[in-house]
C-alpha atoms as a PDB file:
ATOM      1  CA  MET A   1       0.016   0.009  -0.025  1.00  0.00           C
ATOM      2  CA  ILE A   2       1.108   3.533  -0.723  1.00  0.00           C
ATOM      3  CA  GLY A   3      -0.426   6.012   1.655  1.00  0.00           C
ATOM      4  CA  PRO A   4      -0.110  10.016   2.031  1.00  0.00           C
ATOM      5  CA  GLY A   5       2.729  11.694   0.246  1.00  0.00           C
ATOM      6  CA  ASP A   6       2.213  10.779  -3.366  1.00  0.00           C
ATOM      7  CA  ASP A   7      -0.390  12.174  -5.802  1.00  0.00           C
ATOM      8  CA  ALA A   8      -2.861   9.172  -5.054  1.00  0.00           C
ATOM      9  CA  ALA A   9      -2.906   6.289  -2.670  1.00  0.00           C
ATOM     10  CA  VAL A  10      -2.313   2.742  -3.879  1.00  0.00           C
ATOM     11  CA  VAL A  11      -4.355  -0.080  -1.967  1.00  0.00           C
ATOM     12  CA  ARG A  12      -4.581  -3.737  -2.633  1.00  0.00           C
ATOM     13  CA  PRO A  13      -8.157  -5.145  -2.896  1.00  0.00           C
ATOM     14  CA  THR A  14      -8.492  -8.552  -1.260  1.00  0.00           C
ATOM     15  CA  GLY A  15     -11.245  -9.971  -3.609  1.00  0.00           C
ATOM     16  CA  ARG A  16     -14.053  -9.235  -1.336  1.00  0.00           C
ATOM     17  CA  PRO A  17     -16.847  -6.828  -2.424  1.00  0.00           C
ATOM     18  CA  LEU A  18     -15.984  -3.285  -1.696  1.00  0.00           C
ATOM     19  CA  VAL A  19     -18.355  -0.754   0.129  1.00  0.00           C
ATOM     20  CA  LEU A  20     -17.842   2.877  -0.713  1.00  0.00           C
ATOM     21  CA  THR A  21     -19.477   5.868   1.056  1.00  0.00           C
ATOM     22  CA  THR A  22     -18.795   9.621   1.505  1.00  0.00           C
ATOM     23  CA  ASP A  23     -20.010  12.242   3.902  1.00  0.00           C
ATOM     24  CA  ALA A  24     -19.333  15.963   4.636  1.00  0.00           C
ATOM     25  CA  LEU A  25     -19.436  17.875   7.917  1.00  0.00           C
ATOM     26  CA  VAL A  26     -20.044  21.613   7.143  1.00  0.00           C
ATOM     27  CA  GLU A  27     -19.456  24.248   9.817  1.00  0.00           C
ATOM     28  CA  ASP A  28     -22.810  26.026  10.797  1.00  0.00           C
ATOM     29  CA  VAL A  29     -24.762  23.283   9.031  1.00  0.00           C
ATOM     30  CA  HIS A  30     -23.505  20.249  11.047  1.00  0.00           C
ATOM     31  CA  PHE A  31     -21.603  21.750  13.821  1.00  0.00           C
ATOM     32  CA  ARG A  32     -20.211  25.002  15.251  1.00  0.00           C
ATOM     33  CA  SER A  33     -16.551  25.147  15.947  1.00  0.00           C
ATOM     34  CA  GLY A  34     -17.081  26.272  19.517  1.00  0.00           C
ATOM     35  CA  TRP A  35     -18.952  23.038  20.351  1.00  0.00           C
ATOM     36  CA  CYS A  36     -15.944  20.838  19.711  1.00  0.00           C
ATOM     37  CA  ASP A  37     -12.085  21.279  19.773  1.00  0.00           C
ATOM     38  CA  PRO A  38     -10.368  20.600  16.290  1.00  0.00           C
ATOM     39  CA  ALA A  39      -9.427  16.948  17.094  1.00  0.00           C
ATOM     40  CA  GLU A  40     -12.961  16.260  18.012  1.00  0.00           C
ATOM     41  CA  ILE A  41     -14.316  17.716  14.831  1.00  0.00           C
ATOM     42  CA  GLY A  42     -11.992  15.470  12.864  1.00  0.00           C
ATOM     43  CA  ALA A  43     -13.017  12.480  14.921  1.00  0.00           C
ATOM     44  CA  ARG A  44     -16.590  13.204  14.406  1.00  0.00           C
ATOM     45  CA  ALA A  45     -16.282  13.292  10.699  1.00  0.00           C
ATOM     46  CA  ALA A  46     -14.742   9.753  10.918  1.00  0.00           C
ATOM     47  CA  LEU A  47     -17.420   8.309  13.354  1.00  0.00           C
ATOM     48  CA  VAL A  48     -20.486   9.467  11.526  1.00  0.00           C
ATOM     49  CA  ASN A  49     -19.067   8.155   8.222  1.00  0.00           C
ATOM     50  CA  LEU A  50     -18.105   4.971   9.756  1.00  0.00           C
ATOM     51  CA  SER A  51     -21.822   4.538  10.839  1.00  0.00           C
ATOM     52  CA  ASP A  52     -22.737   4.387   7.112  1.00  0.00           C
ATOM     53  CA  LEU A  53     -20.407   1.430   6.751  1.00  0.00           C
ATOM     54  CA  ALA A  54     -22.001  -0.071   9.798  1.00  0.00           C
ATOM     55  CA  ALA A  55     -25.281   0.401   8.079  1.00  0.00           C
ATOM     56  CA  MET A  56     -24.172  -2.002   5.462  1.00  0.00           C
ATOM     57  CA  ALA A  57     -22.450  -4.400   7.591  1.00  0.00           C
ATOM     58  CA  ALA A  58     -19.034  -3.513   6.175  1.00  0.00           C
ATOM     59  CA  ARG A  59     -15.568  -3.653   7.749  1.00  0.00           C
ATOM     60  CA  PRO A  60     -13.690  -0.283   7.219  1.00  0.00           C
ATOM     61  CA  THR A  61     -10.309  -0.409   5.509  1.00  0.00           C
ATOM     62  CA  GLU A  62      -9.031   2.905   3.991  1.00  0.00           C
ATOM     63  CA  ALA A  63     -10.302   6.618   3.923  1.00  0.00           C
ATOM     64  CA  LEU A  64      -9.627   9.806   2.064  1.00  0.00           C
ATOM     65  CA  LEU A  65     -10.207  13.158   3.707  1.00  0.00           C
ATOM     66  CA  ALA A  66     -10.633  16.477   1.933  1.00  0.00           C
ATOM     67  CA  VAL A  67     -10.577  19.634   4.092  1.00  0.00           C
ATOM     68  CA  THR A  68     -11.756  23.091   2.969  1.00  0.00           C
ATOM     69  CA  ALA A  69     -11.004  25.899   5.404  1.00  0.00           C
ATOM     70  CA  PRO A  70     -11.030  29.667   5.303  1.00  0.00           C
ATOM     71  CA  PRO A  71      -7.620  31.278   5.364  1.00  0.00           C
ATOM     72  CA  ASP A  72      -7.877  32.388   9.035  1.00  0.00           C
ATOM     73  CA  VAL A  73      -8.056  28.778  10.487  1.00  0.00           C
ATOM     74  CA  PRO A  74      -4.582  28.205  12.004  1.00  0.00           C
ATOM     75  CA  ALA A  75      -2.463  25.437  10.485  1.00  0.00           C
ATOM     76  CA  HIS A  76      -2.171  23.648  13.948  1.00  0.00           C
ATOM     77  CA  GLN A  77      -6.019  23.426  14.105  1.00  0.00           C
ATOM     78  CA  LEU A  78      -6.267  21.811  10.814  1.00  0.00           C
ATOM     79  CA  GLU A  79      -3.419  19.415  11.769  1.00  0.00           C
ATOM     80  CA  SER A  80      -5.437  18.576  14.860  1.00  0.00           C
ATOM     81  CA  MET A  81      -8.545  17.859  12.847  1.00  0.00           C
ATOM     82  CA  ILE A  82      -6.712  15.500  10.461  1.00  0.00           C
ATOM     83  CA  ASP A  83      -5.040  13.798  13.456  1.00  0.00           C
ATOM     84  CA  GLY A  84      -8.420  13.346  15.208  1.00  0.00           C
ATOM     85  CA  CYS A  85      -9.928  11.973  12.143  1.00  0.00           C
ATOM     86  CA  ALA A  86      -6.973   9.343  11.568  1.00  0.00           C
ATOM     87  CA  ALA A  87      -7.157   8.429  15.287  1.00  0.00           C
ATOM     88  CA  ALA A  88     -10.830   7.591  15.183  1.00  0.00           C
ATOM     89  CA  LEU A  89     -10.477   5.739  11.970  1.00  0.00           C
ATOM     90  CA  ALA A  90      -7.590   3.696  13.385  1.00  0.00           C
ATOM     91  CA  ARG A  91      -9.710   2.673  16.344  1.00  0.00           C
ATOM     92  CA  TYR A  92     -11.891   0.866  14.052  1.00  0.00           C
ATOM     93  CA  GLY A  93      -9.286  -0.572  11.695  1.00  0.00           C
ATOM     94  CA  ALA A  94      -9.277   1.973   8.940  1.00  0.00           C
ATOM     95  CA  ALA A  95      -6.263   3.835   7.610  1.00  0.00           C
ATOM     96  CA  LEU A  96      -6.321   7.536   6.411  1.00  0.00           C
ATOM     97  CA  VAL A  97      -4.457   7.110   3.152  1.00  0.00           C
ATOM     98  CA  GLY A  98      -4.735  10.569   1.529  1.00  0.00           C
ATOM     99  CA  GLY A  99      -6.948  13.399   0.688  1.00  0.00           C
ATOM    100  CA  ASN A 100      -6.831  17.217  -0.049  1.00  0.00           C
ATOM    101  CA  LEU A 101      -6.499  20.571   1.738  1.00  0.00           C
ATOM    102  CA  SER A 102      -8.024  23.692   0.146  1.00  0.00           C
ATOM    103  CA  ALA A 103      -8.877  27.212   0.946  1.00  0.00           C
ATOM    104  CA  GLY A 104     -12.620  28.148   0.898  1.00  0.00           C
ATOM    105  CA  PRO A 105     -15.278  30.107   2.502  1.00  0.00           C
ATOM    106  CA  VAL A 106     -16.558  27.622   4.956  1.00  0.00           C
ATOM    107  CA  LEU A 107     -14.822  24.887   7.040  1.00  0.00           C
ATOM    108  CA  THR A 108     -15.868  21.500   5.470  1.00  0.00           C
ATOM    109  CA  LEU A 109     -14.587  18.036   6.037  1.00  0.00           C
ATOM    110  CA  THR A 110     -15.525  15.528   3.550  1.00  0.00           C
ATOM    111  CA  LEU A 111     -14.523  11.873   4.136  1.00  0.00           C
ATOM    112  CA  THR A 112     -14.598   9.096   1.670  1.00  0.00           C
ATOM    113  CA  LEU A 113     -14.550   5.601   3.264  1.00  0.00           C
ATOM    114  CA  ILE A 114     -13.760   2.177   1.779  1.00  0.00           C
ATOM    115  CA  GLY A 115     -14.992  -0.899   3.401  1.00  0.00           C
ATOM    116  CA  GLU A 116     -15.122  -4.596   2.654  1.00  0.00           C
ATOM    117  CA  LEU A 117     -17.986  -7.147   3.160  1.00  0.00           C
ATOM    118  CA  ASP A 118     -16.988 -10.338   4.817  1.00  0.00           C
ATOM    119  CA  GLY A 119     -20.593 -11.626   4.304  1.00  0.00           C
ATOM    120  CA  PRO A 120     -23.987 -10.304   3.150  1.00  0.00           C
ATOM    121  CA  PRO A 121     -24.736  -6.660   3.359  1.00  0.00           C
ATOM    122  CA  LEU A 122     -27.613  -4.938   5.216  1.00  0.00           C
ATOM    123  CA  ARG A 123     -30.005  -3.417   2.767  1.00  0.00           C
ATOM    124  CA  ARG A 124     -32.951  -1.196   2.887  1.00  0.00           C
ATOM    125  CA  ASP A 125     -35.088  -2.897   0.273  1.00  0.00           C
ATOM    126  CA  THR A 126     -35.697  -6.255   1.669  1.00  0.00           C
ATOM    127  CA  ALA A 127     -38.131  -5.784   4.778  1.00  0.00           C
ATOM    128  CA  ARG A 128     -41.238  -7.815   4.477  1.00  0.00           C
ATOM    129  CA  ALA A 129     -44.718  -7.303   6.201  1.00  0.00           C
ATOM    130  CA  GLY A 130     -44.642  -9.368   9.379  1.00  0.00           C
ATOM    131  CA  ASP A 131     -41.090  -8.659  10.179  1.00  0.00           C
ATOM    132  CA  ARG A 132     -40.319  -7.162  13.606  1.00  0.00           C
ATOM    133  CA  LEU A 133     -38.646  -3.748  13.852  1.00  0.00           C
ATOM    134  CA  LEU A 134     -35.717  -3.605  16.436  1.00  0.00           C
ATOM    135  CA  VAL A 135     -33.299  -0.784  17.309  1.00  0.00           C
ATOM    136  CA  SER A 136     -29.859  -0.835  19.048  1.00  0.00           C
ATOM    137  CA  GLY A 137     -28.981   1.178  21.914  1.00  0.00           C
ATOM    138  CA  THR A 138     -30.890   4.225  23.146  1.00  0.00           C
ATOM    139  CA  LEU A 139     -32.543   7.063  21.213  1.00  0.00           C
ATOM    140  CA  GLY A 140     -32.816  10.732  21.629  1.00  0.00           C
ATOM    141  CA  ASP A 141     -29.499  11.669  23.535  1.00  0.00           C
ATOM    142  CA  ALA A 142     -27.705  13.437  20.601  1.00  0.00           C
ATOM    143  CA  GLY A 143     -30.857  15.289  19.664  1.00  0.00           C
ATOM    144  CA  ALA A 144     -31.391  16.552  23.178  1.00  0.00           C
ATOM    145  CA  ALA A 145     -27.737  17.537  23.392  1.00  0.00           C
ATOM    146  CA  LEU A 146     -28.138  19.489  20.230  1.00  0.00           C
ATOM    147  CA  SER A 147     -31.232  21.408  21.656  1.00  0.00           C
ATOM    148  CA  PHE A 148     -29.101  22.371  24.594  1.00  0.00           C
ATOM    149  CA  LEU A 149     -26.203  23.609  22.325  1.00  0.00           C
ATOM    150  CA  LEU A 150     -28.469  25.672  20.158  1.00  0.00           C
ATOM    151  CA  ARG A 151     -29.859  27.427  23.222  1.00  0.00           C
ATOM    152  CA  ASP A 152     -26.282  28.171  24.363  1.00  0.00           C
ATOM    153  CA  ARG A 153     -26.858  25.921  27.367  1.00  0.00           C
ATOM    154  CA  PRO A 154     -24.185  23.176  28.371  1.00  0.00           C
ATOM    155  CA  PRO A 155     -25.707  19.790  27.938  1.00  0.00           C
ATOM    156  CA  PRO A 156     -25.311  17.023  30.522  1.00  0.00           C
ATOM    157  CA  THR A 157     -21.935  15.336  29.741  1.00  0.00           C
ATOM    158  CA  ALA A 158     -23.497  11.901  28.847  1.00  0.00           C
ATOM    159  CA  LEU A 159     -25.807  13.651  26.344  1.00  0.00           C
ATOM    160  CA  LEU A 160     -23.038  15.736  24.871  1.00  0.00           C
ATOM    161  CA  GLU A 161     -20.783  12.775  24.308  1.00  0.00           C
ATOM    162  CA  ARG A 162     -23.422  10.889  22.417  1.00  0.00           C
ATOM    163  CA  TRP A 163     -23.570  13.848  19.982  1.00  0.00           C
ATOM    164  CA  ARG A 164     -19.910  14.677  19.922  1.00  0.00           C
ATOM    165  CA  ALA A 165     -18.581  11.127  19.670  1.00  0.00           C
ATOM    166  CA  PRO A 166     -21.292   8.701  18.424  1.00  0.00           C
ATOM    167  CA  THR A 167     -20.496   5.021  18.342  1.00  0.00           C
ATOM    168  CA  PRO A 168     -20.673   3.418  14.903  1.00  0.00           C
ATOM    169  CA  ARG A 169     -22.174  -0.080  15.506  1.00  0.00           C
ATOM    170  CA  LEU A 170     -19.718  -1.962  13.093  1.00  0.00           C
ATOM    171  CA  GLU A 171     -19.173  -5.251  14.857  1.00  0.00           C
ATOM    172  CA  LEU A 172     -22.900  -5.444  15.829  1.00  0.00           C
ATOM    173  CA  ALA A 173     -24.020  -4.831  12.340  1.00  0.00           C
ATOM    174  CA  GLN A 174     -21.641  -7.472  11.084  1.00  0.00           C
ATOM    175  CA  ALA A 175     -22.949 -10.015  13.577  1.00  0.00           C
ATOM    176  CA  LEU A 176     -26.628  -9.066  12.729  1.00  0.00           C
ATOM    177  CA  ALA A 177     -25.935  -9.717   8.926  1.00  0.00           C
ATOM    178  CA  ARG A 178     -24.531 -13.085   9.742  1.00  0.00           C
ATOM    179  CA  ALA A 179     -27.641 -13.836  11.624  1.00  0.00           C
ATOM    180  CA  GLN A 180     -29.644 -13.202   8.514  1.00  0.00           C
ATOM    181  CA  VAL A 181     -31.259  -9.959   9.617  1.00  0.00           C
ATOM    182  CA  ARG A 182     -33.660  -9.032   6.782  1.00  0.00           C
ATOM    183  CA  ALA A 183     -33.049  -5.282   6.281  1.00  0.00           C
ATOM    184  CA  GLY A 184     -31.506  -2.352   8.100  1.00  0.00           C
ATOM    185  CA  LEU A 185     -29.991   1.128   8.187  1.00  0.00           C
ATOM    186  CA  ASP A 186     -28.331   3.576  10.604  1.00  0.00           C
ATOM    187  CA  LEU A 187     -30.358   6.306  12.295  1.00  0.00           C
ATOM    188  CA  SER A 188     -28.903   9.554  11.245  1.00  0.00           C
ATOM    189  CA  ASP A 189     -31.878  11.813  10.443  1.00  0.00           C
ATOM    190  CA  GLY A 190     -34.151  10.477  13.223  1.00  0.00           C
ATOM    191  CA  LEU A 191     -36.258   7.317  13.873  1.00  0.00           C
ATOM    192  CA  ALA A 192     -39.473   8.483  12.125  1.00  0.00           C
ATOM    193  CA  SER A 193     -37.548   9.708   9.064  1.00  0.00           C
ATOM    194  CA  ASP A 194     -35.271   6.856   8.639  1.00  0.00           C
ATOM    195  CA  ALA A 195     -38.026   4.331   9.236  1.00  0.00           C
ATOM    196  CA  ARG A 196     -39.856   5.976   6.396  1.00  0.00           C
ATOM    197  CA  GLN A 197     -36.740   5.592   4.156  1.00  0.00           C
ATOM    198  CA  LEU A 198     -36.500   1.828   4.967  1.00  0.00           C
ATOM    199  CA  CYS A 199     -40.240   1.257   4.375  1.00  0.00           C
ATOM    200  CA  ARG A 200     -40.155   3.330   1.093  1.00  0.00           C
ATOM    201  CA  ALA A 201     -37.206   1.130  -0.181  1.00  0.00           C
ATOM    202  CA  SER A 202     -38.999  -2.108   0.684  1.00  0.00           C
ATOM    203  CA  GLY A 203     -42.445  -1.092  -0.380  1.00  0.00           C
ATOM    204  CA  VAL A 204     -44.036  -1.547   3.065  1.00  0.00           C
ATOM    205  CA  GLY A 205     -45.211   0.329   6.166  1.00  0.00           C
ATOM    206  CA  ALA A 206     -44.544   0.153   9.810  1.00  0.00           C
ATOM    207  CA  ARG A 207     -46.101   0.621  13.256  1.00  0.00           C
ATOM    208  CA  ILE A 208     -43.773   1.825  16.096  1.00  0.00           C
ATOM    209  CA  ARG A 209     -44.860   1.493  19.565  1.00  0.00           C
ATOM    210  CA  VAL A 210     -43.529   4.628  21.379  1.00  0.00           C
ATOM    211  CA  ALA A 211     -43.729   3.108  24.805  1.00  0.00           C
ATOM    212  CA  ALA A 212     -41.126   0.620  23.638  1.00  0.00           C
ATOM    213  CA  LEU A 213     -38.578   3.082  22.472  1.00  0.00           C
ATOM    214  CA  PRO A 214     -35.247   2.834  24.558  1.00  0.00           C
ATOM    215  CA  LEU A 215     -34.318   5.903  26.407  1.00  0.00           C
ATOM    216  CA  SER A 216     -31.217   6.598  28.442  1.00  0.00           C
ATOM    217  CA  GLU A 217     -31.319   7.548  32.078  1.00  0.00           C
ATOM    218  CA  ALA A 218     -29.433  10.568  31.123  1.00  0.00           C
ATOM    219  CA  LEU A 219     -32.303  11.750  28.717  1.00  0.00           C
ATOM    220  CA  ARG A 220     -34.955  10.915  31.367  1.00  0.00           C
ATOM    221  CA  SER A 221     -33.084  13.023  33.930  1.00  0.00           C
ATOM    222  CA  ALA A 222     -32.312  15.983  31.558  1.00  0.00           C
ATOM    223  CA  VAL A 223     -35.655  16.173  29.873  1.00  0.00           C
ATOM    224  CA  ALA A 224     -38.780  16.270  32.062  1.00  0.00           C
ATOM    225  CA  SER A 225     -41.486  16.291  29.437  1.00  0.00           C
ATOM    226  CA  ASP A 226     -42.633  13.055  27.970  1.00  0.00           C
ATOM    227  CA  ALA A 227     -43.477  14.819  24.628  1.00  0.00           C
ATOM    228  CA  GLU A 228     -40.084  16.368  24.438  1.00  0.00           C
ATOM    229  CA  ARG A 229     -38.336  12.933  25.087  1.00  0.00           C
ATOM    230  CA  LEU A 230     -40.564  11.427  22.328  1.00  0.00           C
ATOM    231  CA  ARG A 231     -39.617  14.339  19.957  1.00  0.00           C
ATOM    232  CA  PHE A 232     -35.920  13.747  20.556  1.00  0.00           C
ATOM    233  CA  ALA A 233     -36.295   9.919  20.392  1.00  0.00           C
ATOM    234  CA  THR A 234     -38.236  10.021  17.051  1.00  0.00           C
ATOM    235  CA  GLY A 235     -36.985  13.056  15.295  1.00  0.00           C
ATOM    236  CA  GLY A 236     -33.815  14.301  16.948  1.00  0.00           C
ATOM    237  CA  GLY A 237     -31.467  12.631  14.626  1.00  0.00           C
ATOM    238  CA  GLU A 238     -27.768  11.769  14.872  1.00  0.00           C
ATOM    239  CA  ASP A 239     -28.264   8.630  17.128  1.00  0.00           C
ATOM    240  CA  TYR A 240     -26.275   6.490  14.670  1.00  0.00           C
ATOM    241  CA  GLU A 241     -27.869   3.418  16.133  1.00  0.00           C
ATOM    242  CA  LEU A 242     -29.108   0.603  13.909  1.00  0.00           C
ATOM    243  CA  LEU A 243     -32.825   0.093  12.876  1.00  0.00           C
ATOM    244  CA  ILE A 244     -33.372  -3.458  11.653  1.00  0.00           C
ATOM    245  CA  ALA A 245     -36.173  -5.637  10.301  1.00  0.00           C
ATOM    246  CA  VAL A 246     -36.080  -9.205  11.260  1.00  0.00           C
ATOM    247  CA  ALA A 247     -38.300 -12.336  10.859  1.00  0.00           C
ATOM    248  CA  PRO A 248     -40.335 -12.908  14.074  1.00  0.00           C
ATOM    249  CA  GLU A 249     -38.542 -16.097  14.941  1.00  0.00           C
ATOM    250  CA  LEU A 250     -35.234 -14.347  15.001  1.00  0.00           C
ATOM    251  CA  VAL A 251     -36.001 -11.735  17.568  1.00  0.00           C
ATOM    252  CA  ALA A 252     -34.670 -13.681  20.553  1.00  0.00           C
ATOM    253  CA  THR A 253     -31.557 -14.579  18.681  1.00  0.00           C
ATOM    254  CA  ILE A 254     -31.004 -10.808  17.632  1.00  0.00           C
ATOM    255  CA  GLU A 255     -31.502  -9.799  21.332  1.00  0.00           C
ATOM    256  CA  GLU A 256     -28.945 -12.217  22.566  1.00  0.00           C
ATOM    257  CA  ILE A 257     -26.435 -10.935  19.956  1.00  0.00           C
ATOM    258  CA  GLY A 258     -26.935  -7.402  21.156  1.00  0.00           C
ATOM    259  CA  ARG A 259     -26.195  -8.538  24.830  1.00  0.00           C
ATOM    260  CA  ALA A 260     -23.100 -10.411  23.622  1.00  0.00           C
ATOM    261  CA  ALA A 261     -21.944  -7.207  21.862  1.00  0.00           C
ATOM    262  CA  GLY A 262     -22.622  -5.048  24.924  1.00  0.00           C
ATOM    263  CA  CYS A 263     -25.198  -3.121  22.962  1.00  0.00           C
ATOM    264  CA  PRO A 264     -28.831  -3.970  23.835  1.00  0.00           C
ATOM    265  CA  VAL A 265     -31.161  -4.452  20.863  1.00  0.00           C
ATOM    266  CA  CYS A 266     -34.987  -4.225  21.596  1.00  0.00           C
ATOM    267  CA  GLU A 267     -38.257  -4.685  19.561  1.00  0.00           C
ATOM    268  CA  ILE A 268     -40.090  -1.494  18.919  1.00  0.00           C
ATOM    269  CA  GLY A 269     -42.650  -2.346  16.339  1.00  0.00           C
ATOM    270  CA  GLU A 270     -43.387  -4.252  13.140  1.00  0.00           C
ATOM    271  CA  ILE A 271     -43.481  -4.085   9.487  1.00  0.00           C
ATOM    272  CA  VAL A 272     -46.920  -4.048   7.841  1.00  0.00           C
ATOM    273  CA  ALA A 273     -48.528  -3.994   4.478  1.00  0.00           C
ATOM    274  CA  GLY A 274     -49.155  -0.500   2.917  1.00  0.00           C
ATOM    275  CA  ALA A 275     -46.874   2.687   2.898  1.00  0.00           C
ATOM    276  CA  ASP A 276     -47.557   4.448   6.155  1.00  0.00           C
ATOM    277  CA  VAL A 277     -45.327   4.622   9.233  1.00  0.00           C
ATOM    278  CA  ALA A 278     -47.313   5.170  12.306  1.00  0.00           C
ATOM    279  CA  LEU A 279     -46.121   6.026  15.873  1.00  0.00           C
ATOM    280  CA  ILE A 280     -48.684   4.234  18.117  1.00  0.00           C
ATOM    281  CA  GLY A 281     -49.294   5.530  21.681  1.00  0.00           C
ATOM    282  CA  ALA A 282     -49.994   3.500  24.736  1.00  0.00           C
ATOM    283  CA  ASP A 283     -53.832   3.880  23.941  1.00  0.00           C
ATOM    284  CA  GLY A 284     -53.389   2.466  20.570  1.00  0.00           C
ATOM    285  CA  ALA A 285     -53.934   5.768  18.768  1.00  0.00           C
ATOM    286  CA  ALA A 286     -51.576   7.063  16.125  1.00  0.00           C
ATOM    287  CA  LEU A 287     -49.498  10.070  17.107  1.00  0.00           C
ATOM    288  CA  ALA A 288     -47.878  12.804  14.907  1.00  0.00           C
ATOM    289  CA  ALA A 289     -44.565  11.765  13.570  1.00  0.00           C
ATOM    290  CA  ALA A 290     -41.479  14.055  14.088  1.00  0.00           C
ATOM    291  CA  ALA A 291     -40.094  15.397  10.863  1.00  0.00           C
ATOM    292  CA  GLY A 292     -36.523  14.515  11.373  1.00  0.00           C
ATOM    293  CA  PHE A 293     -33.375  16.272  10.048  1.00  0.00           C
ATOM    294  CA  ASP A 294     -33.735  18.081   6.845  1.00  0.00           C
ATOM    295  CA  HIS A 295     -30.342  18.527   5.071  1.00  0.00           C
ATOM    296  CA  PHE A 296     -31.505  21.603   3.264  1.00  0.00           C
ATOM    297  CA  HIS A 297     -33.031  23.321   6.278  1.00  0.00           C
ATOM    298  CA  PRO A 298     -30.388  22.501   8.923  1.00  0.00           C
ATOM    299  CA  ARG A 299     -30.883  23.270  12.513  1.00  0.00           C
ATOM    300  CA  VAL A 300     -27.405  24.255  13.486  1.00  0.00           C
ATOM    301  CA  GLY A 301     -27.085  27.130  11.023  1.00  0.00           C
ATOM    302  CA  GLN A 302     -30.411  28.628  12.106  1.00  0.00           C
END
């Protein structure tokens, strides 16, 4: 392999299928510089992109990073961003093999990741009516943290870390794919929005039981209102957990895989015929679904 220093990197494919993804973090769209130090910004660029590989059950191998920065950003801060990105990638087995640095009006980190499949990929278009919907981890922490930040209030540390340094569920996703999970994706835009994406791709609908949504103690302590907790859990976005559809007979196996991986996976609903994604309250009535993150009407820059 030839890494940084030449005009292009050289890597040696292993013969396994490659998975490619790219993502951009743009200042005042996805973050504000005062919310993270430079190394944390670089690490976050890696972690949210690694989650896209987790969504496909891929194993990360190499990455390219392109940084655009205004001329007044000090060189040592740019170096810290690159180092932070490289360190986060290395924790998950990927090497930063090259990229680009350019002047521009807005600080932007664009990461391209290469991964390999050791088995079948997770896909969005293979869910079937009758499947159960399960989710990993807990929901709403990152969205709650962002709401504090947008009001210039310090979030509780546990919530802030879920936004600042999300955990890409790479090993869990690979184990789930080996267990023949039917379909899945990662939750970046919010549960309601991403569930609609999965259902749209598969030509099905879903019923999600809000009482079953997993919430952290940190969220319960920081947010007193049940309605606000629900809003963060279903529409806050940036959880980077896995939403999966599985055959009913596999639910117990999937829950055991989650326990073995140290990341609980719990059932929150089911896939149904039709095209509607409904949030169902404890009384059985449908609730209004949160809109989720809109990439062209971002919250951070507002």
